[in-house]
Amino acid sequence: MVDILKVSGLSVETAKGERLLRDVSFALAPGERCGLIGASGCGKSLTAAALCGLLRPPLSVTGGTATLEGVELFSLSPKMWRKQRRGAIFQTFQSPGTALTPTLRLGPQLTEAARISGADPRRVVPEALKIVGLPADTVRQFPYQLSGGMKQRSLIAMALILRPRVLIADEPTTGLDILTERDILRALDAMIEATGAALLFISHDLRAVRAIAPRTLVMAAGAIVEDCATDALENASHPAAQRLGQAAAELEAPC
């Protein structure tokens, strides 16, 4: 199977030359579900930002390539980046409210996503809300009226409408109770099943990663140090991966 996303040698540095990501390389196949874990500050969210063209000065990509369906992402203009984020690659954020327009009800925001995708909003908006488990009248609410879990599912509904080829979910269950976490994972699962998108699931919670991603990348100090089956972390070759797997097994809690 041909990879839909191939990242090779990705490096990110500050304006002063401090290297934050070093030679990050991995690939995702269509429909594949892959976790990305590691200690806080190791570069997980920075990797997501680079792949979505969301780095801001003083940070910049200083090396490597990222090819999505034959398009080299790091050579894109800002206009072309926006086009890619609208249809080819989509990111949900740990703080989902930052990705929703606070002064607009949810309905118009999902309708705009339908317009971008060329779909009929009267059909796809109610369908997407149903798939992610949100009530139909959520369209009449402003983002501030939604809980954190509802905001996350609203973004997943938007992804369902846009039908990206790659979805990056950055810490979507952090700070949520276990019932809401279950709802988020179910919504992500439904979105992947409906669209066939590849999923890069970034999380500190190995329980959540195990629930949705059979493969896991482990990051340490800005580099990918392990690529293995999620259930095999305790027996991985790199000490950082072993520690994460062992700690999660001992505590049965977020690692």
C-alpha atoms as a PDB file:
ATOM      1  CA  MET A   1       0.000   0.000   0.000  1.00  0.00           C
ATOM      2  CA  VAL A   2       1.302   3.460  -0.902  1.00  0.00           C
ATOM      3  CA  ASP A   3       1.827   5.767   2.102  1.00  0.00           C
ATOM      4  CA  ILE A   4      -0.467   8.773   2.195  1.00  0.00           C
ATOM      5  CA  LEU A   5       1.887  10.819   4.398  1.00  0.00           C
ATOM      6  CA  LYS A   6       5.651  10.418   4.425  1.00  0.00           C
ATOM      7  CA  VAL A   7       7.816  12.518   6.735  1.00  0.00           C
ATOM      8  CA  SER A   8      11.571  12.324   6.287  1.00  0.00           C
ATOM      9  CA  GLY A   9      14.302  14.093   8.256  1.00  0.00           C
ATOM     10  CA  LEU A  10      12.057  16.827   9.683  1.00  0.00           C
ATOM     11  CA  SER A  11      14.041  19.362  11.716  1.00  0.00           C
ATOM     12  CA  VAL A  12      12.732  22.492  13.453  1.00  0.00           C
ATOM     13  CA  GLU A  13      14.928  25.198  14.944  1.00  0.00           C
ATOM     14  CA  THR A  14      14.585  28.540  16.675  1.00  0.00           C
ATOM     15  CA  ALA A  15      15.978  31.722  15.123  1.00  0.00           C
ATOM     16  CA  LYS A  16      19.049  31.272  17.328  1.00  0.00           C
ATOM     17  CA  GLY A  17      19.719  27.808  15.929  1.00  0.00           C
ATOM     18  CA  GLU A  18      18.401  25.755  18.855  1.00  0.00           C
ATOM     19  CA  ARG A  19      17.215  22.455  17.409  1.00  0.00           C
ATOM     20  CA  LEU A  20      13.825  21.381  18.772  1.00  0.00           C
ATOM     21  CA  LEU A  21      13.010  18.590  16.308  1.00  0.00           C
ATOM     22  CA  ARG A  22      15.770  16.463  14.829  1.00  0.00           C
ATOM     23  CA  ASP A  23      15.459  14.106  11.877  1.00  0.00           C
ATOM     24  CA  VAL A  24      11.835  13.111  12.559  1.00  0.00           C
ATOM     25  CA  SER A  25      10.839  10.411  10.074  1.00  0.00           C
ATOM     26  CA  PHE A  26       7.735   8.225   9.777  1.00  0.00           C
ATOM     27  CA  ALA A  27       4.989   7.309   7.328  1.00  0.00           C
ATOM     28  CA  LEU A  28       1.230   6.707   7.519  1.00  0.00           C
ATOM     29  CA  ALA A  29      -0.810   4.506   5.214  1.00  0.00           C
ATOM     30  CA  PRO A  30      -4.396   5.399   4.220  1.00  0.00           C
ATOM     31  CA  GLY A  31      -6.733   4.629   7.090  1.00  0.00           C
ATOM     32  CA  GLU A  32      -3.894   3.793   9.490  1.00  0.00           C
ATOM     33  CA  ARG A  33      -4.197   4.731  13.157  1.00  0.00           C
ATOM     34  CA  CYS A  34      -0.936   5.638  14.846  1.00  0.00           C
ATOM     35  CA  GLY A  35      -0.201   7.044  18.290  1.00  0.00           C
ATOM     36  CA  LEU A  36       2.516   9.595  19.092  1.00  0.00           C
ATOM     37  CA  ILE A  37       3.568   9.609  22.739  1.00  0.00           C
ATOM     38  CA  GLY A  38       6.408  10.921  24.870  1.00  0.00           C
ATOM     39  CA  ALA A  39       7.192  12.989  27.928  1.00  0.00           C
ATOM     40  CA  SER A  40       6.024  16.611  28.108  1.00  0.00           C
ATOM     41  CA  GLY A  41       8.150  18.946  26.006  1.00  0.00           C
ATOM     42  CA  CYS A  42       9.576  16.215  23.783  1.00  0.00           C
ATOM     43  CA  GLY A  43       8.174  17.741  20.558  1.00  0.00           C
ATOM     44  CA  LYS A  44       4.850  16.012  19.887  1.00  0.00           C
ATOM     45  CA  SER A  45       2.713  19.125  19.401  1.00  0.00           C
ATOM     46  CA  LEU A  46       5.581  20.834  17.602  1.00  0.00           C
ATOM     47  CA  THR A  47       5.584  17.993  15.089  1.00  0.00           C
ATOM     48  CA  ALA A  48       1.855  18.479  14.537  1.00  0.00           C
ATOM     49  CA  ALA A  49       2.285  22.232  14.067  1.00  0.00           C
ATOM     50  CA  ALA A  50       5.037  21.697  11.496  1.00  0.00           C
ATOM     51  CA  LEU A  51       2.943  19.190   9.528  1.00  0.00           C
ATOM     52  CA  CYS A  52      -0.003  21.582   9.448  1.00  0.00           C
ATOM     53  CA  GLY A  53       1.971  24.685   8.527  1.00  0.00           C
ATOM     54  CA  LEU A  54       1.220  26.324  11.864  1.00  0.00           C
ATOM     55  CA  LEU A  55       4.738  27.133  13.069  1.00  0.00           C
ATOM     56  CA  ARG A  56       5.291  30.771  13.937  1.00  0.00           C
ATOM     57  CA  PRO A  57       8.527  32.780  14.266  1.00  0.00           C
ATOM     58  CA  PRO A  58      10.997  32.307  15.814  1.00  0.00           C
ATOM     59  CA  LEU A  59      10.400  28.648  14.894  1.00  0.00           C
ATOM     60  CA  SER A  60      10.898  27.296  11.386  1.00  0.00           C
ATOM     61  CA  VAL A  61      11.406  24.055   9.485  1.00  0.00           C
ATOM     62  CA  THR A  62      15.116  23.873   8.676  1.00  0.00           C
ATOM     63  CA  GLY A  63      15.354  20.429   7.118  1.00  0.00           C
ATOM     64  CA  GLY A  64      13.459  17.445   5.811  1.00  0.00           C
ATOM     65  CA  THR A  65      10.377  16.786   3.716  1.00  0.00           C
ATOM     66  CA  ALA A  66       6.730  15.909   4.307  1.00  0.00           C
ATOM     67  CA  THR A  67       4.825  14.537   1.331  1.00  0.00           C
ATOM     68  CA  LEU A  68       1.037  14.232   1.447  1.00  0.00           C
ATOM     69  CA  GLU A  69      -0.545  12.538  -1.560  1.00  0.00           C
ATOM     70  CA  GLY A  70       2.397  13.636  -3.702  1.00  0.00           C
ATOM     71  CA  VAL A  71       2.398  17.248  -2.439  1.00  0.00           C
ATOM     72  CA  GLU A  72       5.556  18.451  -0.657  1.00  0.00           C
ATOM     73  CA  LEU A  73       4.117  20.393   2.260  1.00  0.00           C
ATOM     74  CA  PHE A  74       7.118  22.414   3.374  1.00  0.00           C
ATOM     75  CA  SER A  75       7.445  24.110  -0.008  1.00  0.00           C
ATOM     76  CA  LEU A  76       3.863  25.436  -0.003  1.00  0.00           C
ATOM     77  CA  SER A  77       2.909  29.103   0.015  1.00  0.00           C
ATOM     78  CA  PRO A  78       0.645  30.330   2.851  1.00  0.00           C
ATOM     79  CA  LYS A  79      -2.325  30.281   0.454  1.00  0.00           C
ATOM     80  CA  MET A  80      -1.667  26.679  -0.559  1.00  0.00           C
ATOM     81  CA  TRP A  81      -1.170  25.696   3.087  1.00  0.00           C
ATOM     82  CA  ARG A  82      -4.662  26.979   3.862  1.00  0.00           C
ATOM     83  CA  LYS A  83      -6.014  24.886   1.001  1.00  0.00           C
ATOM     84  CA  GLN A  84      -4.289  21.773   2.351  1.00  0.00           C
ATOM     85  CA  ARG A  85      -5.673  22.365   5.860  1.00  0.00           C
ATOM     86  CA  ARG A  86      -9.170  22.642   4.437  1.00  0.00           C
ATOM     87  CA  GLY A  87      -9.202  19.311   2.702  1.00  0.00           C
ATOM     88  CA  ALA A  88      -6.053  17.203   2.898  1.00  0.00           C
ATOM     89  CA  ILE A  89      -4.884  17.527   6.506  1.00  0.00           C
ATOM     90  CA  PHE A  90      -6.875  18.599   9.567  1.00  0.00           C
ATOM     91  CA  GLN A  91      -5.873  19.074  13.197  1.00  0.00           C
ATOM     92  CA  THR A  92      -7.897  19.032  16.383  1.00  0.00           C
ATOM     93  CA  PHE A  93      -6.346  20.764  19.380  1.00  0.00           C
ATOM     94  CA  GLN A  94      -5.977  20.176  23.097  1.00  0.00           C
ATOM     95  CA  SER A  95      -7.877  23.455  23.603  1.00  0.00           C
ATOM     96  CA  PRO A  96     -10.576  23.048  20.940  1.00  0.00           C
ATOM     97  CA  GLY A  97     -12.159  26.413  21.641  1.00  0.00           C
ATOM     98  CA  THR A  98      -9.199  28.130  19.989  1.00  0.00           C
ATOM     99  CA  ALA A  99     -10.182  26.548  16.655  1.00  0.00           C
ATOM    100  CA  LEU A 100     -13.821  27.693  16.806  1.00  0.00           C
ATOM    101  CA  THR A 101     -14.983  31.260  16.122  1.00  0.00           C
ATOM    102  CA  PRO A 102     -16.362  32.466  19.480  1.00  0.00           C
ATOM    103  CA  THR A 103     -18.861  34.938  17.993  1.00  0.00           C
ATOM    104  CA  LEU A 104     -20.515  32.439  15.625  1.00  0.00           C
ATOM    105  CA  ARG A 105     -22.949  29.691  16.489  1.00  0.00           C
ATOM    106  CA  LEU A 106     -21.731  26.210  15.630  1.00  0.00           C
ATOM    107  CA  GLY A 107     -24.204  25.807  12.765  1.00  0.00           C
ATOM    108  CA  PRO A 108     -22.680  28.466  10.471  1.00  0.00           C
ATOM    109  CA  GLN A 109     -19.185  27.128  11.182  1.00  0.00           C
ATOM    110  CA  LEU A 110     -20.149  23.613  10.125  1.00  0.00           C
ATOM    111  CA  THR A 111     -22.049  25.025   7.149  1.00  0.00           C
ATOM    112  CA  GLU A 112     -18.877  26.813   6.029  1.00  0.00           C
ATOM    113  CA  ALA A 113     -17.000  23.500   6.236  1.00  0.00           C
ATOM    114  CA  ALA A 114     -19.679  21.949   4.030  1.00  0.00           C
ATOM    115  CA  ARG A 115     -19.316  24.802   1.536  1.00  0.00           C
ATOM    116  CA  ILE A 116     -15.560  24.251   1.386  1.00  0.00           C
ATOM    117  CA  SER A 117     -16.029  20.522   0.790  1.00  0.00           C
ATOM    118  CA  GLY A 118     -18.732  21.070  -1.810  1.00  0.00           C
ATOM    119  CA  ALA A 119     -21.342  19.138   0.179  1.00  0.00           C
ATOM    120  CA  ASP A 120     -24.955  20.002   0.975  1.00  0.00           C
ATOM    121  CA  PRO A 121     -24.964  21.377   4.553  1.00  0.00           C
ATOM    122  CA  ARG A 122     -28.616  20.377   5.031  1.00  0.00           C
ATOM    123  CA  ARG A 123     -27.512  16.770   4.693  1.00  0.00           C
ATOM    124  CA  VAL A 124     -23.937  16.577   6.005  1.00  0.00           C
ATOM    125  CA  VAL A 125     -24.201  18.801   9.106  1.00  0.00           C
ATOM    126  CA  PRO A 126     -26.983  16.777  10.852  1.00  0.00           C
ATOM    127  CA  GLU A 127     -25.299  13.568   9.728  1.00  0.00           C
ATOM    128  CA  ALA A 128     -21.927  14.584  11.167  1.00  0.00           C
ATOM    129  CA  LEU A 129     -23.459  15.665  14.488  1.00  0.00           C
ATOM    130  CA  LYS A 130     -25.265  12.339  14.766  1.00  0.00           C
ATOM    131  CA  ILE A 131     -22.100  10.345  14.036  1.00  0.00           C
ATOM    132  CA  VAL A 132     -20.095  12.140  16.758  1.00  0.00           C
ATOM    133  CA  GLY A 133     -22.949  11.924  19.250  1.00  0.00           C
ATOM    134  CA  LEU A 134     -23.980  15.567  19.488  1.00  0.00           C
ATOM    135  CA  PRO A 135     -27.635  16.692  19.682  1.00  0.00           C
ATOM    136  CA  ALA A 136     -29.055  18.278  16.531  1.00  0.00           C
ATOM    137  CA  ASP A 137     -29.726  21.569  18.352  1.00  0.00           C
ATOM    138  CA  THR A 138     -25.991  22.004  19.044  1.00  0.00           C
ATOM    139  CA  VAL A 139     -25.943  24.052  15.829  1.00  0.00           C
ATOM    140  CA  ARG A 140     -27.737  26.857  17.676  1.00  0.00           C
ATOM    141  CA  GLN A 141     -25.135  27.151  20.411  1.00  0.00           C
ATOM    142  CA  PHE A 142     -22.065  29.366  20.645  1.00  0.00           C
ATOM    143  CA  PRO A 143     -18.734  27.716  21.472  1.00  0.00           C
ATOM    144  CA  TYR A 144     -18.762  29.154  25.006  1.00  0.00           C
ATOM    145  CA  GLN A 145     -21.983  27.246  25.657  1.00  0.00           C
ATOM    146  CA  LEU A 146     -20.341  23.908  24.865  1.00  0.00           C
ATOM    147  CA  SER A 147     -18.363  21.730  27.251  1.00  0.00           C
ATOM    148  CA  GLY A 148     -14.773  20.802  26.437  1.00  0.00           C
ATOM    149  CA  GLY A 149     -15.864  17.385  25.207  1.00  0.00           C
ATOM    150  CA  MET A 150     -18.588  18.879  23.027  1.00  0.00           C
ATOM    151  CA  LYS A 151     -16.094  21.292  21.482  1.00  0.00           C
ATOM    152  CA  GLN A 152     -13.784  18.381  20.666  1.00  0.00           C
ATOM    153  CA  ARG A 153     -16.636  16.470  19.046  1.00  0.00           C
ATOM    154  CA  SER A 154     -17.621  19.613  17.141  1.00  0.00           C
ATOM    155  CA  LEU A 155     -14.145  19.721  15.601  1.00  0.00           C
ATOM    156  CA  ILE A 156     -14.367  16.016  14.782  1.00  0.00           C
ATOM    157  CA  ALA A 157     -17.744  16.712  13.133  1.00  0.00           C
ATOM    158  CA  MET A 158     -16.047  19.434  11.092  1.00  0.00           C
ATOM    159  CA  ALA A 159     -13.397  16.918  10.060  1.00  0.00           C
ATOM    160  CA  LEU A 160     -16.135  14.507   9.028  1.00  0.00           C
ATOM    161  CA  ILE A 161     -17.586  17.171   6.752  1.00  0.00           C
ATOM    162  CA  LEU A 162     -14.220  18.210   5.284  1.00  0.00           C
ATOM    163  CA  ARG A 163     -13.109  14.556   4.867  1.00  0.00           C
ATOM    164  CA  PRO A 164      -9.336  15.116   5.170  1.00  0.00           C
ATOM    165  CA  ARG A 165      -6.886  12.427   4.146  1.00  0.00           C
ATOM    166  CA  VAL A 166      -4.948  12.846   7.416  1.00  0.00           C
ATOM    167  CA  LEU A 167      -6.345  13.798  10.823  1.00  0.00           C
ATOM    168  CA  ILE A 168      -3.970  14.892  13.591  1.00  0.00           C
ATOM    169  CA  ALA A 169      -5.653  14.734  17.002  1.00  0.00           C
ATOM    170  CA  ASP A 170      -3.467  16.584  19.519  1.00  0.00           C
ATOM    171  CA  GLU A 171      -4.270  15.585  23.113  1.00  0.00           C
ATOM    172  CA  PRO A 172      -8.043  15.389  22.448  1.00  0.00           C
ATOM    173  CA  THR A 173      -8.869  13.695  25.782  1.00  0.00           C
ATOM    174  CA  THR A 174      -6.616  15.655  28.158  1.00  0.00           C
ATOM    175  CA  GLY A 175      -8.434  16.948  31.229  1.00  0.00           C
ATOM    176  CA  LEU A 176     -11.696  15.159  30.422  1.00  0.00           C
ATOM    177  CA  ASP A 177     -13.568  12.686  32.606  1.00  0.00           C
ATOM    178  CA  ILE A 178     -13.506   9.044  31.565  1.00  0.00           C
ATOM    179  CA  LEU A 179     -17.043   9.090  30.111  1.00  0.00           C
ATOM    180  CA  THR A 180     -16.268  12.099  27.927  1.00  0.00           C
ATOM    181  CA  GLU A 181     -12.965  10.499  26.938  1.00  0.00           C
ATOM    182  CA  ARG A 182     -14.904   7.458  25.771  1.00  0.00           C
ATOM    183  CA  ASP A 183     -17.213   9.685  23.726  1.00  0.00           C
ATOM    184  CA  ILE A 184     -14.242  11.433  22.058  1.00  0.00           C
ATOM    185  CA  LEU A 185     -12.604   8.125  21.146  1.00  0.00           C
ATOM    186  CA  ARG A 186     -15.882   6.821  19.746  1.00  0.00           C
ATOM    187  CA  ALA A 187     -16.269   9.985  17.671  1.00  0.00           C
ATOM    188  CA  LEU A 188     -12.724   9.677  16.323  1.00  0.00           C
ATOM    189  CA  ASP A 189     -13.298   6.018  15.526  1.00  0.00           C
ATOM    190  CA  ALA A 190     -16.505   6.876  13.659  1.00  0.00           C
ATOM    191  CA  MET A 191     -14.784   9.669  11.743  1.00  0.00           C
ATOM    192  CA  ILE A 192     -11.948   7.389  10.605  1.00  0.00           C
ATOM    193  CA  GLU A 193     -14.377   4.647   9.604  1.00  0.00           C
ATOM    194  CA  ALA A 194     -16.526   7.097   7.634  1.00  0.00           C
ATOM    195  CA  THR A 195     -13.703   8.895   5.803  1.00  0.00           C
ATOM    196  CA  GLY A 196     -10.840   6.415   5.570  1.00  0.00           C
ATOM    197  CA  ALA A 197      -8.457   9.096   6.869  1.00  0.00           C
ATOM    198  CA  ALA A 198      -5.137   8.252   8.472  1.00  0.00           C
ATOM    199  CA  LEU A 199      -4.976   9.233  12.151  1.00  0.00           C
ATOM    200  CA  LEU A 200      -2.001  10.554  14.113  1.00  0.00           C
ATOM    201  CA  PHE A 201      -3.184  10.460  17.722  1.00  0.00           C
ATOM    202  CA  ILE A 202      -1.027  12.524  20.086  1.00  0.00           C
ATOM    203  CA  SER A 203      -1.547  11.791  23.755  1.00  0.00           C
ATOM    204  CA  HIS A 204      -0.009  11.325  27.202  1.00  0.00           C
ATOM    205  CA  ASP A 205      -2.678   8.750  27.999  1.00  0.00           C
ATOM    206  CA  LEU A 206      -1.517   5.320  26.899  1.00  0.00           C
ATOM    207  CA  ARG A 207      -4.932   3.878  27.710  1.00  0.00           C
ATOM    208  CA  ALA A 208      -6.468   6.125  25.078  1.00  0.00           C
ATOM    209  CA  VAL A 209      -3.707   5.304  22.592  1.00  0.00           C
ATOM    210  CA  ARG A 210      -4.244   1.569  23.126  1.00  0.00           C
ATOM    211  CA  ALA A 211      -7.966   2.027  22.549  1.00  0.00           C
ATOM    212  CA  ILE A 212      -7.591   3.596  19.119  1.00  0.00           C
ATOM    213  CA  ALA A 213      -4.102   3.038  17.675  1.00  0.00           C
ATOM    214  CA  PRO A 214      -2.411  -0.363  17.209  1.00  0.00           C
ATOM    215  CA  ARG A 215       0.883   1.310  16.267  1.00  0.00           C
ATOM    216  CA  THR A 216       2.769   3.894  18.322  1.00  0.00           C
ATOM    217  CA  LEU A 217       5.664   6.271  17.729  1.00  0.00           C
ATOM    218  CA  VAL A 218       7.666   7.265  20.805  1.00  0.00           C
ATOM    219  CA  MET A 219       9.353  10.663  20.876  1.00  0.00           C
ATOM    220  CA  ALA A 220      12.162  11.811  23.161  1.00  0.00           C
ATOM    221  CA  ALA A 221      14.196  15.034  23.000  1.00  0.00           C
ATOM    222  CA  GLY A 222      12.761  16.016  19.625  1.00  0.00           C
ATOM    223  CA  ALA A 223      13.358  12.693  17.868  1.00  0.00           C
ATOM    224  CA  ILE A 224      11.382   9.533  17.109  1.00  0.00           C
ATOM    225  CA  VAL A 225      13.142   6.835  19.121  1.00  0.00           C
ATOM    226  CA  GLU A 226      10.719   3.921  18.720  1.00  0.00           C
ATOM    227  CA  ASP A 227       8.127   2.709  16.212  1.00  0.00           C
ATOM    228  CA  CYS A 228       6.349  -0.388  17.464  1.00  0.00           C
ATOM    229  CA  ALA A 229       3.045  -2.067  18.244  1.00  0.00           C
ATOM    230  CA  THR A 230       1.257  -0.188  21.037  1.00  0.00           C
ATOM    231  CA  ASP A 231       0.942  -3.340  23.129  1.00  0.00           C
ATOM    232  CA  ALA A 232       4.690  -3.996  22.831  1.00  0.00           C
ATOM    233  CA  LEU A 233       5.998  -0.789  24.427  1.00  0.00           C
ATOM    234  CA  GLU A 234       7.247  -2.505  27.576  1.00  0.00           C
ATOM    235  CA  ASN A 235       9.436  -4.737  25.419  1.00  0.00           C
ATOM    236  CA  ALA A 236      10.601  -1.986  23.047  1.00  0.00           C
ATOM    237  CA  SER A 237      14.304  -1.538  22.400  1.00  0.00           C
ATOM    238  CA  HIS A 238      14.629   2.119  23.451  1.00  0.00           C
ATOM    239  CA  PRO A 239      14.666   2.918  27.199  1.00  0.00           C
ATOM    240  CA  ALA A 240      12.286   5.887  26.774  1.00  0.00           C
ATOM    241  CA  ALA A 241       9.647   3.612  25.253  1.00  0.00           C
ATOM    242  CA  GLN A 242      10.188   0.977  27.918  1.00  0.00           C
ATOM    243  CA  ARG A 243       9.768   3.530  30.713  1.00  0.00           C
ATOM    244  CA  LEU A 244       6.500   4.822  29.286  1.00  0.00           C
ATOM    245  CA  GLY A 245       5.108   1.338  28.852  1.00  0.00           C
ATOM    246  CA  GLN A 246       6.204   0.183  32.307  1.00  0.00           C
ATOM    247  CA  ALA A 247       4.897   3.304  34.055  1.00  0.00           C
ATOM    248  CA  ALA A 248       1.510   3.005  32.378  1.00  0.00           C
ATOM    249  CA  ALA A 249       1.292  -0.676  33.235  1.00  0.00           C
ATOM    250  CA  GLU A 250       2.145  -0.011  36.889  1.00  0.00           C
ATOM    251  CA  LEU A 251      -0.193   2.911  37.375  1.00  0.00           C
ATOM    252  CA  GLU A 252      -2.905   2.037  34.840  1.00  0.00           C
ATOM    253  CA  ALA A 253      -3.159   5.805  34.344  1.00  0.00           C
ATOM    254  CA  PRO A 254      -1.915   8.500  31.940  1.00  0.00           C
ATOM    255  CA  CYS A 255       1.831   8.124  31.392  1.00  0.00           C
END
